[in-house]
Amino acid sequence: MPDYPVVVDGRTDLYGDDLNKMLFDTSNGEASYKDNPYINESGIVVLHRYDGLVSALDQDSRFRKIYEDQIASVFVRQ
């Protein structure tokens, strides 16, 4: 998906502790993900299949899962 902008990647040393904590909490599917501006503005969300956020987005009417394999789940905004 090289044509899509990325909010964050695996280089956590670039983003600072506050953003890292917010993104960690979000990826675990904590309820605070609903207030995460990056999720709220995302058109596409690509996650590791076993991230807690996958279960949360499965239940979130704002998103629809369009792809899943053994590694990743991909959601688009409805």
PDB file of N, CA and C in Angstrom:
ATOM      1  N   MET A   1       0.831  -1.180   0.000  1.00  0.00           N
ATOM      2  CA  MET A   1       0.000   0.000   0.000  1.00  0.00           C
ATOM      3  C   MET A   1       0.883   1.254   0.000  1.00  0.00           C
ATOM      4  N   PRO A   2       1.791   1.350  -0.930  1.00  0.00           N
ATOM      5  CA  PRO A   2       2.754   2.461  -0.914  1.00  0.00           C
ATOM      6  C   PRO A   2       2.157   3.839  -1.180  1.00  0.00           C
ATOM      7  N   ASP A   3       0.946   3.902  -1.698  1.00  0.00           N
ATOM      8  CA  ASP A   3       0.352   5.203  -2.019  1.00  0.00           C
ATOM      9  C   ASP A   3      -0.465   5.796  -0.875  1.00  0.00           C
ATOM     10  N   TYR A   4      -0.498   5.119   0.264  1.00  0.00           N
ATOM     11  CA  TYR A   4      -1.290   5.587   1.395  1.00  0.00           C
ATOM     12  C   TYR A   4      -0.392   6.166   2.482  1.00  0.00           C
ATOM     13  N   PRO A   5      -0.765   7.327   3.033  1.00  0.00           N
ATOM     14  CA  PRO A   5       0.048   7.913   4.111  1.00  0.00           C
ATOM     15  C   PRO A   5      -0.038   7.067   5.373  1.00  0.00           C
ATOM     16  N   VAL A   6       1.038   7.066   6.132  1.00  0.00           N
ATOM     17  CA  VAL A   6       1.133   6.285   7.358  1.00  0.00           C
ATOM     18  C   VAL A   6       1.158   7.222   8.552  1.00  0.00           C
ATOM     19  N   VAL A   7       0.398   6.891   9.586  1.00  0.00           N
ATOM     20  CA  VAL A   7       0.401   7.683  10.811  1.00  0.00           C
ATOM     21  C   VAL A   7       1.592   7.312  11.660  1.00  0.00           C
ATOM     22  N   VAL A   8       1.797   6.034  11.873  1.00  0.00           N
ATOM     23  CA  VAL A   8       2.890   5.564  12.725  1.00  0.00           C
ATOM     24  C   VAL A   8       3.360   4.218  12.202  1.00  0.00           C
ATOM     25  N   ASP A   9       4.629   3.945  12.415  1.00  0.00           N
ATOM     26  CA  ASP A   9       5.179   2.654  12.038  1.00  0.00           C
ATOM     27  C   ASP A   9       5.943   2.098  13.236  1.00  0.00           C
ATOM     28  N   GLY A  10       6.780   1.124  13.018  1.00  0.00           N
ATOM     29  CA  GLY A  10       7.466   0.457  14.110  1.00  0.00           C
ATOM     30  C   GLY A  10       8.605   1.223  14.748  1.00  0.00           C
ATOM     31  N   ARG A  11       8.930   2.397  14.250  1.00  0.00           N
ATOM     32  CA  ARG A  11      10.051   3.169  14.802  1.00  0.00           C
ATOM     33  C   ARG A  11       9.569   4.021  15.968  1.00  0.00           C
ATOM     34  N   THR A  12       9.307   3.395  17.097  1.00  0.00           N
ATOM     35  CA  THR A  12       8.697   4.087  18.227  1.00  0.00           C
ATOM     36  C   THR A  12       9.578   5.167  18.825  1.00  0.00           C
ATOM     37  N   ASP A  13      10.864   5.117  18.595  1.00  0.00           N
ATOM     38  CA  ASP A  13      11.750   6.139  19.158  1.00  0.00           C
ATOM     39  C   ASP A  13      11.571   7.502  18.487  1.00  0.00           C
ATOM     40  N   LEU A  14      10.794   7.571  17.432  1.00  0.00           N
ATOM     41  CA  LEU A  14      10.582   8.831  16.714  1.00  0.00           C
ATOM     42  C   LEU A  14       9.405   9.643  17.235  1.00  0.00           C
ATOM     43  N   TYR A  15       8.521   9.044  17.977  1.00  0.00           N
ATOM     44  CA  TYR A  15       7.231   9.665  18.249  1.00  0.00           C
ATOM     45  C   TYR A  15       7.065  10.234  19.652  1.00  0.00           C
ATOM     46  N   GLY A  16       7.891   9.845  20.594  1.00  0.00           N
ATOM     47  CA  GLY A  16       7.777  10.353  21.962  1.00  0.00           C
ATOM     48  C   GLY A  16       6.870   9.496  22.822  1.00  0.00           C
ATOM     49  N   ASP A  17       7.051   9.616  24.115  1.00  0.00           N
ATOM     50  CA  ASP A  17       6.360   8.755  25.068  1.00  0.00           C
ATOM     51  C   ASP A  17       4.841   8.938  25.068  1.00  0.00           C
ATOM     52  N   ASP A  18       4.364  10.169  24.985  1.00  0.00           N
ATOM     53  CA  ASP A  18       2.912  10.401  25.048  1.00  0.00           C
ATOM     54  C   ASP A  18       2.194   9.763  23.864  1.00  0.00           C
ATOM     55  N   LEU A  19       2.724   9.986  22.668  1.00  0.00           N
ATOM     56  CA  LEU A  19       2.101   9.393  21.482  1.00  0.00           C
ATOM     57  C   LEU A  19       2.238   7.880  21.512  1.00  0.00           C
ATOM     58  N   ASN A  20       3.391   7.378  21.940  1.00  0.00           N
ATOM     59  CA  ASN A  20       3.577   5.927  22.024  1.00  0.00           C
ATOM     60  C   ASN A  20       2.555   5.298  22.958  1.00  0.00           C
ATOM     61  N   LYS A  21       2.305   5.923  24.119  1.00  0.00           N
ATOM     62  CA  LYS A  21       1.328   5.379  25.059  1.00  0.00           C
ATOM     63  C   LYS A  21      -0.072   5.396  24.452  1.00  0.00           C
ATOM     64  N   MET A  22      -0.434   6.497  23.815  1.00  0.00           N
ATOM     65  CA  MET A  22      -1.758   6.576  23.204  1.00  0.00           C
ATOM     66  C   MET A  22      -1.915   5.484  22.144  1.00  0.00           C
ATOM     67  N   LEU A  23      -0.908   5.299  21.309  1.00  0.00           N
ATOM     68  CA  LEU A  23      -0.992   4.306  20.250  1.00  0.00           C
ATOM     69  C   LEU A  23      -0.974   2.886  20.810  1.00  0.00           C
ATOM     70  N   PHE A  24      -0.217   2.663  21.883  1.00  0.00           N
ATOM     71  CA  PHE A  24      -0.203   1.349  22.536  1.00  0.00           C
ATOM     72  C   PHE A  24      -1.593   1.032  23.089  1.00  0.00           C
ATOM     73  N   ASP A  25      -2.190   1.990  23.799  1.00  0.00           N
ATOM     74  CA  ASP A  25      -3.530   1.798  24.345  1.00  0.00           C
ATOM     75  C   ASP A  25      -4.546   1.546  23.228  1.00  0.00           C
ATOM     76  N   THR A  26      -4.428   2.301  22.155  1.00  0.00           N
ATOM     77  CA  THR A  26      -5.330   2.137  21.016  1.00  0.00           C
ATOM     78  C   THR A  26      -5.183   0.752  20.401  1.00  0.00           C
ATOM     79  N   SER A  27      -3.952   0.313  20.165  1.00  0.00           N
ATOM     80  CA  SER A  27      -3.749  -0.987  19.521  1.00  0.00           C
ATOM     81  C   SER A  27      -4.234  -2.137  20.392  1.00  0.00           C
ATOM     82  N   ASN A  28      -4.295  -1.912  21.706  1.00  0.00           N
ATOM     83  CA  ASN A  28      -4.830  -2.928  22.611  1.00  0.00           C
ATOM     84  C   ASN A  28      -6.352  -2.917  22.646  1.00  0.00           C
ATOM     85  N   GLY A  29      -6.965  -1.959  21.981  1.00  0.00           N
ATOM     86  CA  GLY A  29      -8.415  -1.904  21.904  1.00  0.00           C
ATOM     87  C   GLY A  29      -9.081  -1.272  23.111  1.00  0.00           C
ATOM     88  N   GLU A  30      -8.310  -0.504  23.887  1.00  0.00           N
ATOM     89  CA  GLU A  30      -8.917   0.180  25.027  1.00  0.00           C
ATOM     90  C   GLU A  30      -9.960   1.177  24.518  1.00  0.00           C
ATOM     91  N   ALA A  31     -10.966   1.418  25.327  1.00  0.00           N
ATOM     92  CA  ALA A  31     -12.091   2.277  24.921  1.00  0.00           C
ATOM     93  C   ALA A  31     -11.631   3.656  24.459  1.00  0.00           C
ATOM     94  N   SER A  32     -10.474   4.092  24.923  1.00  0.00           N
ATOM     95  CA  SER A  32      -9.964   5.409  24.539  1.00  0.00           C
ATOM     96  C   SER A  32      -9.663   5.509  23.043  1.00  0.00           C
ATOM     97  N   TYR A  33      -9.648   4.365  22.333  1.00  0.00           N
ATOM     98  CA  TYR A  33      -9.387   4.433  20.889  1.00  0.00           C
ATOM     99  C   TYR A  33     -10.421   5.309  20.187  1.00  0.00           C
ATOM    100  N   LYS A  34     -11.624   5.394  20.756  1.00  0.00           N
ATOM    101  CA  LYS A  34     -12.680   6.191  20.128  1.00  0.00           C
ATOM    102  C   LYS A  34     -12.355   7.678  20.140  1.00  0.00           C
ATOM    103  N   ASP A  35     -11.451   8.093  21.018  1.00  0.00           N
ATOM    104  CA  ASP A  35     -11.027   9.494  21.088  1.00  0.00           C
ATOM    105  C   ASP A  35      -9.705   9.745  20.384  1.00  0.00           C
ATOM    106  N   ASN A  36      -9.124   8.713  19.790  1.00  0.00           N
ATOM    107  CA  ASN A  36      -7.831   8.842  19.125  1.00  0.00           C
ATOM    108  C   ASN A  36      -8.023   9.578  17.800  1.00  0.00           C
ATOM    109  N   PRO A  37      -7.423  10.768  17.646  1.00  0.00           N
ATOM    110  CA  PRO A  37      -7.631  11.536  16.418  1.00  0.00           C
ATOM    111  C   PRO A  37      -7.110  10.825  15.175  1.00  0.00           C
ATOM    112  N   TYR A  38      -6.104   9.994  15.329  1.00  0.00           N
ATOM    113  CA  TYR A  38      -5.558   9.277  14.175  1.00  0.00           C
ATOM    114  C   TYR A  38      -6.540   8.227  13.674  1.00  0.00           C
ATOM    115  N   ILE A  39      -7.218   7.546  14.576  1.00  0.00           N
ATOM    116  CA  ILE A  39      -8.243   6.581  14.172  1.00  0.00           C
ATOM    117  C   ILE A  39      -9.452   7.319  13.604  1.00  0.00           C
ATOM    118  N   ASN A  40      -9.840   8.414  14.251  1.00  0.00           N
ATOM    119  CA  ASN A  40     -11.018   9.159  13.810  1.00  0.00           C
ATOM    120  C   ASN A  40     -10.846   9.785  12.436  1.00  0.00           C
ATOM    121  N   GLU A  41      -9.618  10.019  12.017  1.00  0.00           N
ATOM    122  CA  GLU A  41      -9.367  10.620  10.704  1.00  0.00           C
ATOM    123  C   GLU A  41      -8.907   9.601   9.671  1.00  0.00           C
ATOM    124  N   SER A  42      -8.790   8.346  10.070  1.00  0.00           N
ATOM    125  CA  SER A  42      -8.270   7.316   9.161  1.00  0.00           C
ATOM    126  C   SER A  42      -9.332   6.835   8.193  1.00  0.00           C
ATOM    127  N   GLY A  43      -8.913   6.666   6.967  1.00  0.00           N
ATOM    128  CA  GLY A  43      -9.762   6.035   5.972  1.00  0.00           C
ATOM    129  C   GLY A  43      -9.506   4.551   5.906  1.00  0.00           C
ATOM    130  N   ILE A  44      -8.257   4.155   6.200  1.00  0.00           N
ATOM    131  CA  ILE A  44      -7.844   2.752   6.191  1.00  0.00           C
ATOM    132  C   ILE A  44      -7.034   2.504   7.454  1.00  0.00           C
ATOM    133  N   VAL A  45      -7.299   1.385   8.125  1.00  0.00           N
ATOM    134  CA  VAL A  45      -6.538   0.987   9.311  1.00  0.00           C
ATOM    135  C   VAL A  45      -5.995  -0.411   9.059  1.00  0.00           C
ATOM    136  N   VAL A  46      -4.669  -0.556   9.117  1.00  0.00           N
ATOM    137  CA  VAL A  46      -4.007  -1.845   8.930  1.00  0.00           C
ATOM    138  C   VAL A  46      -3.428  -2.250  10.279  1.00  0.00           C
ATOM    139  N   LEU A  47      -3.794  -3.434  10.752  1.00  0.00           N
ATOM    140  CA  LEU A  47      -3.397  -3.898  12.074  1.00  0.00           C
ATOM    141  C   LEU A  47      -2.852  -5.314  12.028  1.00  0.00           C
ATOM    142  N   HIS A  48      -2.010  -5.643  13.007  1.00  0.00           N
ATOM    143  CA  HIS A  48      -1.656  -7.033  13.214  1.00  0.00           C
ATOM    144  C   HIS A  48      -2.946  -7.750  13.588  1.00  0.00           C
ATOM    145  N   ARG A  49      -3.161  -8.907  13.048  1.00  0.00           N
ATOM    146  CA  ARG A  49      -4.432  -9.610  13.208  1.00  0.00           C
ATOM    147  C   ARG A  49      -4.823  -9.813  14.669  1.00  0.00           C
ATOM    148  N   TYR A  50      -3.857  -9.925  15.552  1.00  0.00           N
ATOM    149  CA  TYR A  50      -4.168 -10.228  16.950  1.00  0.00           C
ATOM    150  C   TYR A  50      -4.134  -8.999  17.856  1.00  0.00           C
ATOM    151  N   ASP A  51      -4.034  -7.794  17.292  1.00  0.00           N
ATOM    152  CA  ASP A  51      -4.143  -6.581  18.102  1.00  0.00           C
ATOM    153  C   ASP A  51      -5.557  -6.495  18.681  1.00  0.00           C
ATOM    154  N   GLY A  52      -5.662  -5.986  19.884  1.00  0.00           N
ATOM    155  CA  GLY A  52      -6.966  -5.831  20.516  1.00  0.00           C
ATOM    156  C   GLY A  52      -7.890  -4.903  19.750  1.00  0.00           C
ATOM    157  N   LEU A  53      -7.308  -3.976  18.999  1.00  0.00           N
ATOM    158  CA  LEU A  53      -8.128  -3.037  18.242  1.00  0.00           C
ATOM    159  C   LEU A  53      -8.924  -3.737  17.147  1.00  0.00           C
ATOM    160  N   VAL A  54      -8.475  -4.883  16.680  1.00  0.00           N
ATOM    161  CA  VAL A  54      -9.224  -5.620  15.658  1.00  0.00           C
ATOM    162  C   VAL A  54     -10.614  -5.968  16.184  1.00  0.00           C
ATOM    163  N   SER A  55     -10.683  -6.491  17.396  1.00  0.00           N
ATOM    164  CA  SER A  55     -11.985  -6.835  17.987  1.00  0.00           C
ATOM    165  C   SER A  55     -12.850  -5.603  18.168  1.00  0.00           C
ATOM    166  N   ALA A  56     -12.231  -4.502  18.599  1.00  0.00           N
ATOM    167  CA  ALA A  56     -12.989  -3.265  18.798  1.00  0.00           C
ATOM    168  C   ALA A  56     -13.544  -2.743  17.478  1.00  0.00           C
ATOM    169  N   LEU A  57     -12.721  -2.743  16.430  1.00  0.00           N
ATOM    170  CA  LEU A  57     -13.192  -2.232  15.141  1.00  0.00           C
ATOM    171  C   LEU A  57     -14.214  -3.159  14.500  1.00  0.00           C
ATOM    172  N   ASP A  58     -14.139  -4.460  14.805  1.00  0.00           N
ATOM    173  CA  ASP A  58     -15.159  -5.394  14.327  1.00  0.00           C
ATOM    174  C   ASP A  58     -16.546  -5.002  14.835  1.00  0.00           C
ATOM    175  N   GLN A  59     -16.590  -4.369  16.010  1.00  0.00           N
ATOM    176  CA  GLN A  59     -17.852  -3.973  16.633  1.00  0.00           C
ATOM    177  C   GLN A  59     -18.207  -2.514  16.375  1.00  0.00           C
ATOM    178  N   ASP A  60     -17.325  -1.781  15.730  1.00  0.00           N
ATOM    179  CA  ASP A  60     -17.495  -0.342  15.517  1.00  0.00           C
ATOM    180  C   ASP A  60     -18.147  -0.108  14.156  1.00  0.00           C
ATOM    181  N   SER A  61     -19.329   0.475  14.164  1.00  0.00           N
ATOM    182  CA  SER A  61     -20.079   0.667  12.912  1.00  0.00           C
ATOM    183  C   SER A  61     -19.419   1.664  11.963  1.00  0.00           C
ATOM    184  N   ARG A  62     -18.420   2.402  12.455  1.00  0.00           N
ATOM    185  CA  ARG A  62     -17.718   3.351  11.581  1.00  0.00           C
ATOM    186  C   ARG A  62     -16.757   2.661  10.629  1.00  0.00           C
ATOM    187  N   PHE A  63     -16.425   1.388  10.912  1.00  0.00           N
ATOM    188  CA  PHE A  63     -15.427   0.670  10.123  1.00  0.00           C
ATOM    189  C   PHE A  63     -15.968  -0.663   9.635  1.00  0.00           C
ATOM    190  N   ARG A  64     -15.397  -1.114   8.524  1.00  0.00           N
ATOM    191  CA  ARG A  64     -15.744  -2.423   7.955  1.00  0.00           C
ATOM    192  C   ARG A  64     -14.452  -3.136   7.604  1.00  0.00           C
ATOM    193  N   LYS A  65     -14.337  -4.390   8.016  1.00  0.00           N
ATOM    194  CA  LYS A  65     -13.148  -5.184   7.674  1.00  0.00           C
ATOM    195  C   LYS A  65     -13.238  -5.598   6.215  1.00  0.00           C
ATOM    196  N   ILE A  66     -12.179  -5.308   5.451  1.00  0.00           N
ATOM    197  CA  ILE A  66     -12.182  -5.673   4.036  1.00  0.00           C
ATOM    198  C   ILE A  66     -11.187  -6.767   3.713  1.00  0.00           C
ATOM    199  N   TYR A  67     -10.295  -7.081   4.679  1.00  0.00           N
ATOM    200  CA  TYR A  67      -9.288  -8.100   4.412  1.00  0.00           C
ATOM    201  C   TYR A  67      -8.749  -8.630   5.727  1.00  0.00           C
ATOM    202  N   GLU A  68      -8.467  -9.923   5.748  1.00  0.00           N
ATOM    203  CA  GLU A  68      -7.770 -10.508   6.890  1.00  0.00           C
ATOM    204  C   GLU A  68      -7.051 -11.758   6.422  1.00  0.00           C
ATOM    205  N   ASP A  69      -5.817 -11.925   6.884  1.00  0.00           N
ATOM    206  CA  ASP A  69      -5.086 -13.155   6.640  1.00  0.00           C
ATOM    207  C   ASP A  69      -4.422 -13.569   7.944  1.00  0.00           C
ATOM    208  N   GLN A  70      -3.421 -14.426   7.893  1.00  0.00           N
ATOM    209  CA  GLN A  70      -2.778 -14.914   9.111  1.00  0.00           C
ATOM    210  C   GLN A  70      -1.966 -13.832   9.823  1.00  0.00           C
ATOM    211  N   ILE A  71      -1.705 -12.708   9.149  1.00  0.00           N
ATOM    212  CA  ILE A  71      -0.864 -11.668   9.725  1.00  0.00           C
ATOM    213  C   ILE A  71      -1.624 -10.380  10.007  1.00  0.00           C
ATOM    214  N   ALA A  72      -2.456  -9.954   9.080  1.00  0.00           N
ATOM    215  CA  ALA A  72      -3.023  -8.606   9.163  1.00  0.00           C
ATOM    216  C   ALA A  72      -4.537  -8.596   9.000  1.00  0.00           C
ATOM    217  N   SER A  73      -5.128  -7.526   9.535  1.00  0.00           N
ATOM    218  CA  SER A  73      -6.527  -7.188   9.291  1.00  0.00           C
ATOM    219  C   SER A  73      -6.551  -5.765   8.751  1.00  0.00           C
ATOM    220  N   VAL A  74      -7.410  -5.526   7.758  1.00  0.00           N
ATOM    221  CA  VAL A  74      -7.512  -4.210   7.138  1.00  0.00           C
ATOM    222  C   VAL A  74      -8.960  -3.753   7.223  1.00  0.00           C
ATOM    223  N   PHE A  75      -9.142  -2.544   7.741  1.00  0.00           N
ATOM    224  CA  PHE A  75     -10.458  -1.929   7.876  1.00  0.00           C
ATOM    225  C   PHE A  75     -10.517  -0.655   7.049  1.00  0.00           C
ATOM    226  N   VAL A  76     -11.712  -0.362   6.542  1.00  0.00           N
ATOM    227  CA  VAL A  76     -11.949   0.927   5.889  1.00  0.00           C
ATOM    228  C   VAL A  76     -13.086   1.621   6.614  1.00  0.00           C
ATOM    229  N   ARG A  77     -13.060   2.945   6.535  1.00  0.00           N
ATOM    230  CA  ARG A  77     -14.125   3.722   7.138  1.00  0.00           C
ATOM    231  C   ARG A  77     -15.391   3.563   6.290  1.00  0.00           C
ATOM    232  N   GLN A  78     -16.517   3.408   6.947  1.00  0.00           N
ATOM    233  CA  GLN A  78     -17.802   3.260   6.251  1.00  0.00           C
ATOM    234  C   GLN A  78     -18.231   4.576   5.645  1.00  0.00           C
TER     235      GLN A  78
END
